[in-house]
PDB file of N, CA and C in Angstrom:
ATOM      1  N   MET A   1       0.840  -1.188   0.000  1.00  0.00           N
ATOM      2  CA  MET A   1       0.000   0.000   0.000  1.00  0.00           C
ATOM      3  C   MET A   1       0.880   1.244   0.000  1.00  0.00           C
ATOM      4  N   ILE A   2       0.481   2.248  -0.754  1.00  0.00           N
ATOM      5  CA  ILE A   2       1.235   3.492  -0.845  1.00  0.00           C
ATOM      6  C   ILE A   2       0.722   4.455   0.220  1.00  0.00           C
ATOM      7  N   ASN A   3       1.619   4.928   1.048  1.00  0.00           N
ATOM      8  CA  ASN A   3       1.272   5.865   2.103  1.00  0.00           C
ATOM      9  C   ASN A   3       1.413   7.297   1.606  1.00  0.00           C
ATOM     10  N   VAL A   4       0.499   8.159   1.996  1.00  0.00           N
ATOM     11  CA  VAL A   4       0.567   9.562   1.595  1.00  0.00           C
ATOM     12  C   VAL A   4       1.866  10.194   2.084  1.00  0.00           C
ATOM     13  N   GLU A   5       2.414   9.691   3.185  1.00  0.00           N
ATOM     14  CA  GLU A   5       3.659  10.225   3.733  1.00  0.00           C
ATOM     15  C   GLU A   5       4.856   9.957   2.830  1.00  0.00           C
ATOM     16  N   TRP A   6       4.702   9.076   1.851  1.00  0.00           N
ATOM     17  CA  TRP A   6       5.790   8.765   0.923  1.00  0.00           C
ATOM     18  C   TRP A   6       6.010   9.870  -0.103  1.00  0.00           C
ATOM     19  N   PHE A   7       5.060  10.794  -0.244  1.00  0.00           N
ATOM     20  CA  PHE A   7       5.144  11.831  -1.270  1.00  0.00           C
ATOM     21  C   PHE A   7       5.697  13.131  -0.700  1.00  0.00           C
ATOM     22  N   GLU A   8       6.345  13.895  -1.553  1.00  0.00           N
ATOM     23  CA  GLU A   8       6.829  15.216  -1.163  1.00  0.00           C
ATOM     24  C   GLU A   8       5.664  16.025  -0.613  1.00  0.00           C
ATOM     25  N   ASP A   9       5.884  16.669   0.503  1.00  0.00           N
ATOM     26  CA  ASP A   9       4.867  17.512   1.153  1.00  0.00           C
ATOM     27  C   ASP A   9       3.570  16.759   1.435  1.00  0.00           C
ATOM     28  N   ASP A  10       3.638  15.420   1.545  1.00  0.00           N
ATOM     29  CA  ASP A  10       2.459  14.573   1.775  1.00  0.00           C
ATOM     30  C   ASP A  10       1.356  14.830   0.747  1.00  0.00           C
ATOM     31  N   ASN A  11       1.754  15.115  -0.471  1.00  0.00           N
ATOM     32  CA  ASN A  11       0.828  15.440  -1.556  1.00  0.00           C
ATOM     33  C   ASN A  11       0.960  14.358  -2.626  1.00  0.00           C
ATOM     34  N   ILE A  12      -0.102  13.571  -2.826  1.00  0.00           N
ATOM     35  CA  ILE A  12      -0.024  12.445  -3.768  1.00  0.00           C
ATOM     36  C   ILE A  12       0.180  12.872  -5.219  1.00  0.00           C
ATOM     37  N   MET A  13      -0.003  14.141  -5.519  1.00  0.00           N
ATOM     38  CA  MET A  13       0.214  14.605  -6.885  1.00  0.00           C
ATOM     39  C   MET A  13       1.681  14.957  -7.136  1.00  0.00           C
ATOM     40  N   LYS A  14       2.478  14.942  -6.085  1.00  0.00           N
ATOM     41  CA  LYS A  14       3.908  15.200  -6.229  1.00  0.00           C
ATOM     42  C   LYS A  14       4.645  13.867  -6.270  1.00  0.00           C
ATOM     43  N   GLY A  15       5.922  13.923  -6.580  1.00  0.00           N
ATOM     44  CA  GLY A  15       6.715  12.703  -6.656  1.00  0.00           C
ATOM     45  C   GLY A  15       7.029  12.121  -5.293  1.00  0.00           C
ATOM     46  N   TYR A  16       7.565  10.908  -5.325  1.00  0.00           N
ATOM     47  CA  TYR A  16       7.940  10.226  -4.104  1.00  0.00           C
ATOM     48  C   TYR A  16       9.180  10.872  -3.485  1.00  0.00           C
ATOM     49  N   LYS A  17       9.236  10.862  -2.162  1.00  0.00           N
ATOM     50  CA  LYS A  17      10.398  11.395  -1.461  1.00  0.00           C
ATOM     51  C   LYS A  17      11.627  10.559  -1.812  1.00  0.00           C
ATOM     52  N   TRP A  18      12.794  11.219  -1.814  1.00  0.00           N
ATOM     53  CA  TRP A  18      14.040  10.520  -2.113  1.00  0.00           C
ATOM     54  C   TRP A  18      14.294   9.405  -1.108  1.00  0.00           C
ATOM     55  N   SER A  19      13.947   9.636   0.160  1.00  0.00           N
ATOM     56  CA  SER A  19      14.187   8.621   1.191  1.00  0.00           C
ATOM     57  C   SER A  19      13.389   7.345   0.910  1.00  0.00           C
ATOM     58  N   VAL A  20      12.181   7.486   0.412  1.00  0.00           N
ATOM     59  CA  VAL A  20      11.340   6.329   0.086  1.00  0.00           C
ATOM     60  C   VAL A  20      11.906   5.614  -1.143  1.00  0.00           C
ATOM     61  N   GLN A  21      12.337   6.393  -2.132  1.00  0.00           N
ATOM     62  CA  GLN A  21      12.936   5.798  -3.325  1.00  0.00           C
ATOM     63  C   GLN A  21      14.192   5.004  -2.965  1.00  0.00           C
ATOM     64  N   ALA A  22      14.997   5.555  -2.058  1.00  0.00           N
ATOM     65  CA  ALA A  22      16.232   4.884  -1.649  1.00  0.00           C
ATOM     66  C   ALA A  22      15.935   3.614  -0.849  1.00  0.00           C
ATOM     67  N   LYS A  23      14.917   3.661  -0.007  1.00  0.00           N
ATOM     68  CA  LYS A  23      14.588   2.520   0.841  1.00  0.00           C
ATOM     69  C   LYS A  23      14.033   1.340   0.050  1.00  0.00           C
ATOM     70  N   TYR A  24      13.097   1.595  -0.861  1.00  0.00           N
ATOM     71  CA  TYR A  24      12.401   0.532  -1.585  1.00  0.00           C
ATOM     72  C   TYR A  24      12.880   0.324  -3.019  1.00  0.00           C
ATOM     73  N   GLY A  25      13.500   1.346  -3.610  1.00  0.00           N
ATOM     74  CA  GLY A  25      13.899   1.281  -5.007  1.00  0.00           C
ATOM     75  C   GLY A  25      12.752   1.696  -5.909  1.00  0.00           C
ATOM     76  N   ILE A  26      13.061   1.935  -7.177  1.00  0.00           N
ATOM     77  CA  ILE A  26      12.033   2.348  -8.132  1.00  0.00           C
ATOM     78  C   ILE A  26      12.098   1.488  -9.382  1.00  0.00           C
ATOM     79  N   VAL A  27      11.002   1.501 -10.107  1.00  0.00           N
ATOM     80  CA  VAL A  27      10.890   0.889 -11.423  1.00  0.00           C
ATOM     81  C   VAL A  27      10.630   2.032 -12.387  1.00  0.00           C
ATOM     82  N   GLU A  28      11.375   2.084 -13.487  1.00  0.00           N
ATOM     83  CA  GLU A  28      11.193   3.147 -14.481  1.00  0.00           C
ATOM     84  C   GLU A  28      10.779   2.563 -15.820  1.00  0.00           C
ATOM     85  N   THR A  29      10.050   3.366 -16.587  1.00  0.00           N
ATOM     86  CA  THR A  29       9.665   2.964 -17.933  1.00  0.00           C
ATOM     87  C   THR A  29       9.387   4.210 -18.761  1.00  0.00           C
ATOM     88  N   SER A  30       9.411   4.048 -20.056  1.00  0.00           N
ATOM     89  CA  SER A  30       9.064   5.153 -20.944  1.00  0.00           C
ATOM     90  C   SER A  30       7.542   5.267 -21.021  1.00  0.00           C
ATOM     91  N   GLN A  31       7.069   6.417 -21.426  1.00  0.00           N
ATOM     92  CA  GLN A  31       5.627   6.602 -21.584  1.00  0.00           C
ATOM     93  C   GLN A  31       5.085   5.673 -22.658  1.00  0.00           C
ATOM     94  N   GLU A  32       5.816   5.521 -23.733  1.00  0.00           N
ATOM     95  CA  GLU A  32       5.377   4.640 -24.819  1.00  0.00           C
ATOM     96  C   GLU A  32       5.193   3.200 -24.321  1.00  0.00           C
ATOM     97  N   GLU A  33       6.153   2.708 -23.565  1.00  0.00           N
ATOM     98  CA  GLU A  33       6.064   1.345 -23.040  1.00  0.00           C
ATOM     99  C   GLU A  33       4.935   1.206 -22.027  1.00  0.00           C
ATOM    100  N   LEU A  34       4.802   2.174 -21.124  1.00  0.00           N
ATOM    101  CA  LEU A  34       3.760   2.115 -20.108  1.00  0.00           C
ATOM    102  C   LEU A  34       2.371   2.123 -20.739  1.00  0.00           C
ATOM    103  N   PHE A  35       2.143   3.063 -21.650  1.00  0.00           N
ATOM    104  CA  PHE A  35       0.816   3.219 -22.237  1.00  0.00           C
ATOM    105  C   PHE A  35       0.472   2.127 -23.246  1.00  0.00           C
ATOM    106  N   SER A  36       1.448   1.328 -23.664  1.00  0.00           N
ATOM    107  CA  SER A  36       1.168   0.231 -24.590  1.00  0.00           C
ATOM    108  C   SER A  36       0.798  -1.064 -23.861  1.00  0.00           C
ATOM    109  N   ARG A  37       0.836  -1.058 -22.536  1.00  0.00           N
ATOM    110  CA  ARG A  37       0.470  -2.244 -21.763  1.00  0.00           C
ATOM    111  C   ARG A  37      -1.020  -2.546 -21.907  1.00  0.00           C
ATOM    112  N   VAL A  38      -1.366  -3.800 -21.740  1.00  0.00           N
ATOM    113  CA  VAL A  38      -2.732  -4.272 -21.968  1.00  0.00           C
ATOM    114  C   VAL A  38      -3.753  -3.528 -21.100  1.00  0.00           C
ATOM    115  N   GLU A  39      -3.385  -3.156 -19.873  1.00  0.00           N
ATOM    116  CA  GLU A  39      -4.349  -2.496 -18.997  1.00  0.00           C
ATOM    117  C   GLU A  39      -4.700  -1.083 -19.454  1.00  0.00           C
ATOM    118  N   PHE A  40      -3.957  -0.540 -20.400  1.00  0.00           N
ATOM    119  CA  PHE A  40      -4.236   0.797 -20.917  1.00  0.00           C
ATOM    120  C   PHE A  40      -4.998   0.766 -22.242  1.00  0.00           C
ATOM    121  N   GLU A  41      -5.216  -0.414 -22.811  1.00  0.00           N
ATOM    122  CA  GLU A  41      -5.829  -0.546 -24.130  1.00  0.00           C
ATOM    123  C   GLU A  41      -7.231   0.041 -24.225  1.00  0.00           C
ATOM    124  N   CYS A  42      -8.005  -0.024 -23.155  1.00  0.00           N
ATOM    125  CA  CYS A  42      -9.388   0.447 -23.217  1.00  0.00           C
ATOM    126  C   CYS A  42      -9.495   1.970 -23.064  1.00  0.00           C
ATOM    127  N   LEU A  43      -8.387   2.633 -22.814  1.00  0.00           N
ATOM    128  CA  LEU A  43      -8.400   4.082 -22.642  1.00  0.00           C
ATOM    129  C   LEU A  43      -8.037   4.752 -23.962  1.00  0.00           C
ATOM    130  N   ASP A  44      -8.816   5.760 -24.341  1.00  0.00           N
ATOM    131  CA  ASP A  44      -8.634   6.379 -25.653  1.00  0.00           C
ATOM    132  C   ASP A  44      -7.657   7.543 -25.660  1.00  0.00           C
ATOM    133  N   SER A  45      -7.758   8.412 -24.694  1.00  0.00           N
ATOM    134  CA  SER A  45      -6.951   9.634 -24.746  1.00  0.00           C
ATOM    135  C   SER A  45      -5.725   9.539 -23.839  1.00  0.00           C
ATOM    136  N   SER A  46      -4.739  10.347 -24.144  1.00  0.00           N
ATOM    137  CA  SER A  46      -3.544  10.422 -23.304  1.00  0.00           C
ATOM    138  C   SER A  46      -3.896  10.891 -21.899  1.00  0.00           C
ATOM    139  N   ASP A  47      -4.846  11.820 -21.791  1.00  0.00           N
ATOM    140  CA  ASP A  47      -5.257  12.312 -20.474  1.00  0.00           C
ATOM    141  C   ASP A  47      -5.805  11.179 -19.611  1.00  0.00           C
ATOM    142  N   GLU A  48      -6.628  10.322 -20.203  1.00  0.00           N
ATOM    143  CA  GLU A  48      -7.175   9.179 -19.466  1.00  0.00           C
ATOM    144  C   GLU A  48      -6.055   8.233 -19.025  1.00  0.00           C
ATOM    145  N   LYS A  49      -5.085   8.038 -19.892  1.00  0.00           N
ATOM    146  CA  LYS A  49      -3.970   7.153 -19.574  1.00  0.00           C
ATOM    147  C   LYS A  49      -3.119   7.721 -18.445  1.00  0.00           C
ATOM    148  N   VAL A  50      -2.909   9.028 -18.449  1.00  0.00           N
ATOM    149  CA  VAL A  50      -2.140   9.671 -17.383  1.00  0.00           C
ATOM    150  C   VAL A  50      -2.865   9.524 -16.050  1.00  0.00           C
ATOM    151  N   VAL A  51      -4.156   9.796 -16.029  1.00  0.00           N
ATOM    152  CA  VAL A  51      -4.940   9.677 -14.797  1.00  0.00           C
ATOM    153  C   VAL A  51      -4.886   8.241 -14.275  1.00  0.00           C
ATOM    154  N   TYR A  52      -5.021   7.276 -15.164  1.00  0.00           N
ATOM    155  CA  TYR A  52      -4.972   5.876 -14.757  1.00  0.00           C
ATOM    156  C   TYR A  52      -3.588   5.501 -14.226  1.00  0.00           C
ATOM    157  N   ALA A  53      -2.538   5.934 -14.913  1.00  0.00           N
ATOM    158  CA  ALA A  53      -1.174   5.643 -14.465  1.00  0.00           C
ATOM    159  C   ALA A  53      -0.924   6.206 -13.070  1.00  0.00           C
ATOM    160  N   VAL A  54      -1.349   7.428 -12.841  1.00  0.00           N
ATOM    161  CA  VAL A  54      -1.173   8.055 -11.528  1.00  0.00           C
ATOM    162  C   VAL A  54      -1.957   7.282 -10.465  1.00  0.00           C
ATOM    163  N   SER A  55      -3.159   6.810 -10.811  1.00  0.00           N
ATOM    164  CA  SER A  55      -3.949   6.047  -9.842  1.00  0.00           C
ATOM    165  C   SER A  55      -3.289   4.721  -9.486  1.00  0.00           C
ATOM    166  N   LEU A  56      -2.444   4.206 -10.369  1.00  0.00           N
ATOM    167  CA  LEU A  56      -1.715   2.963 -10.113  1.00  0.00           C
ATOM    168  C   LEU A  56      -0.407   3.198  -9.352  1.00  0.00           C
ATOM    169  N   GLY A  57      -0.085   4.457  -9.064  1.00  0.00           N
ATOM    170  CA  GLY A  57       1.132   4.759  -8.316  1.00  0.00           C
ATOM    171  C   GLY A  57       2.292   5.249  -9.159  1.00  0.00           C
ATOM    172  N   TRP A  58       2.098   5.350 -10.469  1.00  0.00           N
ATOM    173  CA  TRP A  58       3.154   5.854 -11.349  1.00  0.00           C
ATOM    174  C   TRP A  58       3.238   7.373 -11.232  1.00  0.00           C
ATOM    175  N   ARG A  59       4.434   7.907 -11.312  1.00  0.00           N
ATOM    176  CA  ARG A  59       4.666   9.350 -11.336  1.00  0.00           C
ATOM    177  C   ARG A  59       5.603   9.647 -12.488  1.00  0.00           C
ATOM    178  N   PHE A  60       5.477  10.847 -13.045  1.00  0.00           N
ATOM    179  CA  PHE A  60       6.282  11.237 -14.200  1.00  0.00           C
ATOM    180  C   PHE A  60       7.441  12.104 -13.727  1.00  0.00           C
ATOM    181  N   ASN A  61       8.653  11.741 -14.124  1.00  0.00           N
ATOM    182  CA  ASN A  61       9.840  12.512 -13.794  1.00  0.00           C
ATOM    183  C   ASN A  61      10.126  13.460 -14.955  1.00  0.00           C
ATOM    184  N   VAL A  62       9.929  14.753 -14.724  1.00  0.00           N
ATOM    185  CA  VAL A  62      10.112  15.727 -15.795  1.00  0.00           C
ATOM    186  C   VAL A  62      11.576  15.865 -16.193  1.00  0.00           C
ATOM    187  N   ASP A  63      12.487  15.537 -15.287  1.00  0.00           N
ATOM    188  CA  ASP A  63      13.914  15.670 -15.597  1.00  0.00           C
ATOM    189  C   ASP A  63      14.373  14.671 -16.648  1.00  0.00           C
ATOM    190  N   ASN A  64      13.946  13.414 -16.523  1.00  0.00           N
ATOM    191  CA  ASN A  64      14.395  12.413 -17.496  1.00  0.00           C
ATOM    192  C   ASN A  64      13.280  11.923 -18.421  1.00  0.00           C
ATOM    193  N   GLN A  65      12.075  12.500 -18.264  1.00  0.00           N
ATOM    194  CA  GLN A  65      10.936  12.183 -19.134  1.00  0.00           C
ATOM    195  C   GLN A  65      10.540  10.710 -19.075  1.00  0.00           C
ATOM    196  N   ARG A  66      10.651  10.112 -17.884  1.00  0.00           N
ATOM    197  CA  ARG A  66      10.279   8.716 -17.704  1.00  0.00           C
ATOM    198  C   ARG A  66       9.295   8.590 -16.545  1.00  0.00           C
ATOM    199  N   TRP A  67       8.463   7.550 -16.612  1.00  0.00           N
ATOM    200  CA  TRP A  67       7.531   7.234 -15.539  1.00  0.00           C
ATOM    201  C   TRP A  67       8.239   6.329 -14.541  1.00  0.00           C
ATOM    202  N   TYR A  68       7.902   6.477 -13.261  1.00  0.00           N
ATOM    203  CA  TYR A  68       8.503   5.616 -12.238  1.00  0.00           C
ATOM    204  C   TYR A  68       7.487   5.352 -11.119  1.00  0.00           C
ATOM    205  N   ARG A  69       7.733   4.287 -10.390  1.00  0.00           N
ATOM    206  CA  ARG A  69       6.941   3.949  -9.205  1.00  0.00           C
ATOM    207  C   ARG A  69       7.845   3.221  -8.232  1.00  0.00           C
ATOM    208  N   ILE A  70       7.362   3.055  -7.019  1.00  0.00           N
ATOM    209  CA  ILE A  70       8.110   2.338  -5.994  1.00  0.00           C
ATOM    210  C   ILE A  70       7.996   0.842  -6.256  1.00  0.00           C
ATOM    211  N   LYS A  71       9.115   0.139  -6.196  1.00  0.00           N
ATOM    212  CA  LYS A  71       9.125  -1.308  -6.438  1.00  0.00           C
ATOM    213  C   LYS A  71       8.191  -2.023  -5.478  1.00  0.00           C
ATOM    214  N   GLY A  72       7.407  -2.918  -6.028  1.00  0.00           N
ATOM    215  CA  GLY A  72       6.527  -3.749  -5.216  1.00  0.00           C
ATOM    216  C   GLY A  72       5.283  -3.063  -4.688  1.00  0.00           C
ATOM    217  N   HIS A  73       5.055  -1.840  -5.105  1.00  0.00           N
ATOM    218  CA  HIS A  73       3.881  -1.101  -4.601  1.00  0.00           C
ATOM    219  C   HIS A  73       3.107  -0.489  -5.744  1.00  0.00           C
TER     220      HIS A  73
END
């Protein structure tokens, strides 16, 4: 389960704290790879895909343009 305390400023719309990333590790992927997964097939627009990805715990890193989440969560 993802705890709200894992996010910067306890805000789920922000990225994960560095301490949480260091403790559990992260999984990274490109947007193309993430959005091509079977669970995204029923979604038509990019906006819908972004909302769904965020609901699954994925966050977008603007620095490297990749999606990431905490391993195992």
